[in-house]
Amino acid sequence: MKELVESGHRVVEVNVEDLPLHCPPGKQVGFNGHPRVFLSIEQKGEIVCPYCGTLYRLKEGLRAREH
């Protein structure tokens, strides 16, 4: 995962290895004070966390493996 900031919003670039995707990512359990939620990024290539507003984008050129 690669973290960026665009227009004042947190954007995280996701690799296929990061799937299944969840927010907060990795071991950041206390990140933004919300519970871990799994996010389905495979179909559209990006998704916004409903709790904290972080935008997750599948890295350009990558295709998610089917689960």
N, C-alpha and C. Protein backbone atom coordinates (compact mmCIF):
# COMPACT_ATOMS: atom_id res chain seq x y z
N MET A 1 0.84 -1.19 0.00
CA MET A 1 0.00 0.00 0.00
C MET A 1 0.88 1.24 0.00
N LYS A 2 0.41 2.23 -0.70
CA LYS A 2 1.11 3.50 -0.77
C LYS A 2 0.11 4.59 -0.40
N GLU A 3 0.47 5.41 0.58
CA GLU A 3 -0.45 6.44 1.06
C GLU A 3 -0.13 7.79 0.44
N LEU A 4 -1.18 8.50 -0.03
CA LEU A 4 -1.05 9.81 -0.65
C LEU A 4 -2.08 10.75 -0.03
N VAL A 5 -1.96 12.03 -0.34
CA VAL A 5 -2.99 13.00 0.04
C VAL A 5 -3.34 13.78 -1.22
N GLU A 6 -4.64 13.78 -1.56
CA GLU A 6 -5.13 14.51 -2.72
C GLU A 6 -6.26 15.42 -2.27
N SER A 7 -6.15 16.68 -2.55
CA SER A 7 -7.19 17.65 -2.18
C SER A 7 -7.56 17.56 -0.71
N GLY A 8 -6.57 17.32 0.12
CA GLY A 8 -6.80 17.26 1.56
C GLY A 8 -7.39 15.96 2.06
N HIS A 9 -7.58 14.97 1.19
CA HIS A 9 -8.15 13.69 1.58
C HIS A 9 -7.09 12.60 1.49
N ARG A 10 -7.19 11.63 2.38
CA ARG A 10 -6.26 10.51 2.40
C ARG A 10 -6.61 9.55 1.27
N VAL A 11 -5.61 9.17 0.48
CA VAL A 11 -5.78 8.24 -0.63
C VAL A 11 -4.74 7.13 -0.45
N VAL A 12 -5.18 5.89 -0.54
CA VAL A 12 -4.28 4.76 -0.38
C VAL A 12 -4.31 3.93 -1.66
N GLU A 13 -3.12 3.73 -2.24
CA GLU A 13 -2.98 2.91 -3.44
C GLU A 13 -2.80 1.47 -3.00
N VAL A 14 -3.65 0.58 -3.52
CA VAL A 14 -3.71 -0.80 -3.07
C VAL A 14 -3.14 -1.74 -4.13
N ASN A 15 -2.32 -2.68 -3.69
CA ASN A 15 -1.80 -3.74 -4.55
C ASN A 15 -2.67 -4.98 -4.40
N VAL A 16 -2.61 -5.87 -5.36
CA VAL A 16 -3.39 -7.10 -5.29
C VAL A 16 -3.04 -7.89 -4.02
N GLU A 17 -1.80 -7.81 -3.59
CA GLU A 17 -1.36 -8.52 -2.39
C GLU A 17 -2.05 -8.00 -1.12
N ASP A 18 -2.62 -6.80 -1.18
CA ASP A 18 -3.28 -6.19 -0.02
C ASP A 18 -4.72 -6.69 0.15
N LEU A 19 -5.20 -7.49 -0.80
CA LEU A 19 -6.58 -7.99 -0.74
C LEU A 19 -6.66 -9.23 0.14
N PRO A 20 -7.74 -9.45 0.85
CA PRO A 20 -8.93 -8.62 0.90
C PRO A 20 -8.63 -7.31 1.63
N LEU A 21 -9.23 -6.25 1.14
CA LEU A 21 -8.99 -4.90 1.65
C LEU A 21 -9.85 -4.61 2.87
N HIS A 22 -9.23 -3.98 3.85
CA HIS A 22 -9.99 -3.53 5.01
C HIS A 22 -9.44 -2.21 5.52
N CYS A 23 -10.27 -1.46 6.16
CA CYS A 23 -9.90 -0.19 6.77
C CYS A 23 -10.28 -0.27 8.25
N PRO A 24 -9.42 0.12 9.12
CA PRO A 24 -8.07 0.61 8.89
C PRO A 24 -7.15 -0.50 8.37
N PRO A 25 -6.15 -0.10 7.57
CA PRO A 25 -5.25 -1.09 6.98
C PRO A 25 -4.22 -1.62 7.98
N GLY A 26 -3.72 -2.80 7.70
CA GLY A 26 -2.65 -3.39 8.50
C GLY A 26 -2.97 -3.48 9.97
N LYS A 27 -2.03 -3.04 10.78
CA LYS A 27 -2.17 -3.14 12.23
C LYS A 27 -2.65 -1.84 12.86
N GLN A 28 -3.18 -0.93 12.06
CA GLN A 28 -3.63 0.37 12.56
C GLN A 28 -5.05 0.28 13.12
N VAL A 29 -5.23 -0.54 14.13
CA VAL A 29 -6.56 -0.78 14.68
C VAL A 29 -7.21 0.49 15.18
N GLY A 30 -6.46 1.38 15.79
CA GLY A 30 -7.03 2.60 16.34
C GLY A 30 -7.15 3.74 15.34
N PHE A 31 -6.80 3.52 14.09
CA PHE A 31 -6.81 4.57 13.08
C PHE A 31 -8.20 5.20 12.96
N ASN A 32 -8.27 6.50 13.13
CA ASN A 32 -9.50 7.28 13.02
C ASN A 32 -10.62 6.79 13.92
N GLY A 33 -10.30 5.93 14.88
CA GLY A 33 -11.27 5.51 15.87
C GLY A 33 -12.48 4.77 15.35
N HIS A 34 -12.34 3.99 14.28
CA HIS A 34 -13.48 3.23 13.80
C HIS A 34 -13.14 1.74 13.72
N PRO A 35 -14.17 0.89 13.75
CA PRO A 35 -13.92 -0.55 13.68
C PRO A 35 -13.42 -0.96 12.31
N ARG A 36 -12.77 -2.12 12.26
CA ARG A 36 -12.30 -2.65 10.97
C ARG A 36 -13.50 -3.01 10.11
N VAL A 37 -13.46 -2.54 8.86
CA VAL A 37 -14.51 -2.82 7.90
C VAL A 37 -13.85 -3.31 6.62
N PHE A 38 -14.40 -4.40 6.06
CA PHE A 38 -13.87 -4.93 4.81
C PHE A 38 -14.52 -4.20 3.64
N LEU A 39 -13.71 -3.86 2.63
CA LEU A 39 -14.16 -3.05 1.50
C LEU A 39 -13.96 -3.81 0.20
N SER A 40 -14.98 -3.83 -0.64
CA SER A 40 -14.92 -4.52 -1.93
C SER A 40 -14.45 -3.55 -3.01
N ILE A 41 -13.20 -3.70 -3.41
CA ILE A 41 -12.59 -2.79 -4.38
C ILE A 41 -12.48 -3.42 -5.77
N GLU A 42 -12.72 -4.72 -5.86
CA GLU A 42 -12.44 -5.47 -7.07
C GLU A 42 -13.22 -5.01 -8.30
N GLN A 43 -14.47 -4.68 -8.18
CA GLN A 43 -15.29 -4.35 -9.36
C GLN A 43 -14.98 -2.99 -9.95
N LYS A 44 -14.94 -1.96 -9.13
CA LYS A 44 -14.77 -0.60 -9.64
C LYS A 44 -13.33 -0.10 -9.60
N GLY A 45 -12.48 -0.76 -8.84
CA GLY A 45 -11.09 -0.35 -8.77
C GLY A 45 -10.82 0.72 -7.73
N GLU A 46 -11.86 1.22 -7.06
CA GLU A 46 -11.69 2.16 -5.97
C GLU A 46 -12.93 2.14 -5.08
N ILE A 47 -12.73 2.53 -3.83
CA ILE A 47 -13.83 2.57 -2.87
C ILE A 47 -13.46 3.52 -1.74
N VAL A 48 -14.48 4.14 -1.15
CA VAL A 48 -14.29 5.07 -0.03
C VAL A 48 -14.76 4.38 1.24
N CYS A 49 -13.97 4.47 2.29
CA CYS A 49 -14.36 3.92 3.58
C CYS A 49 -15.55 4.73 4.12
N PRO A 50 -16.64 4.07 4.49
CA PRO A 50 -17.81 4.79 4.97
C PRO A 50 -17.61 5.43 6.35
N TYR A 51 -16.58 5.00 7.08
CA TYR A 51 -16.32 5.56 8.40
C TYR A 51 -15.43 6.79 8.38
N CYS A 52 -14.30 6.71 7.66
CA CYS A 52 -13.32 7.80 7.74
C CYS A 52 -13.13 8.57 6.44
N GLY A 53 -13.72 8.08 5.33
CA GLY A 53 -13.62 8.80 4.08
C GLY A 53 -12.34 8.57 3.30
N THR A 54 -11.48 7.66 3.77
CA THR A 54 -10.26 7.36 3.03
C THR A 54 -10.63 6.71 1.70
N LEU A 55 -10.01 7.18 0.62
CA LEU A 55 -10.22 6.61 -0.70
C LEU A 55 -9.15 5.57 -0.95
N TYR A 56 -9.57 4.37 -1.29
CA TYR A 56 -8.66 3.29 -1.65
C TYR A 56 -8.78 3.07 -3.15
N ARG A 57 -7.61 3.00 -3.83
CA ARG A 57 -7.56 2.77 -5.28
C ARG A 57 -6.68 1.57 -5.57
N LEU A 58 -7.19 0.69 -6.43
CA LEU A 58 -6.38 -0.42 -6.89
C LEU A 58 -5.32 0.15 -7.82
N LYS A 59 -4.07 -0.22 -7.60
CA LYS A 59 -2.96 0.31 -8.39
C LYS A 59 -3.24 0.12 -9.88
N GLU A 60 -3.02 1.17 -10.64
CA GLU A 60 -3.30 1.16 -12.08
C GLU A 60 -2.59 0.01 -12.77
N GLY A 61 -3.32 -0.65 -13.65
CA GLY A 61 -2.75 -1.75 -14.41
C GLY A 61 -2.88 -3.10 -13.73
N LEU A 62 -3.34 -3.12 -12.49
CA LEU A 62 -3.49 -4.38 -11.78
C LEU A 62 -4.92 -4.87 -11.85
N ARG A 63 -5.06 -6.14 -11.90
CA ARG A 63 -6.39 -6.75 -11.87
C ARG A 63 -6.46 -7.60 -10.63
N ALA A 64 -7.56 -7.49 -9.93
CA ALA A 64 -7.73 -8.26 -8.70
C ALA A 64 -8.04 -9.72 -9.06
N ARG A 65 -7.45 -10.61 -8.28
CA ARG A 65 -7.80 -12.02 -8.47
C ARG A 65 -9.19 -12.26 -7.92
N GLU A 66 -9.89 -13.19 -8.51
CA GLU A 66 -11.25 -13.46 -8.07
C GLU A 66 -11.19 -14.32 -6.83
N HIS A 67 -12.10 -14.02 -5.90
CA HIS A 67 -12.15 -14.76 -4.63
C HIS A 67 -13.28 -15.75 -4.67
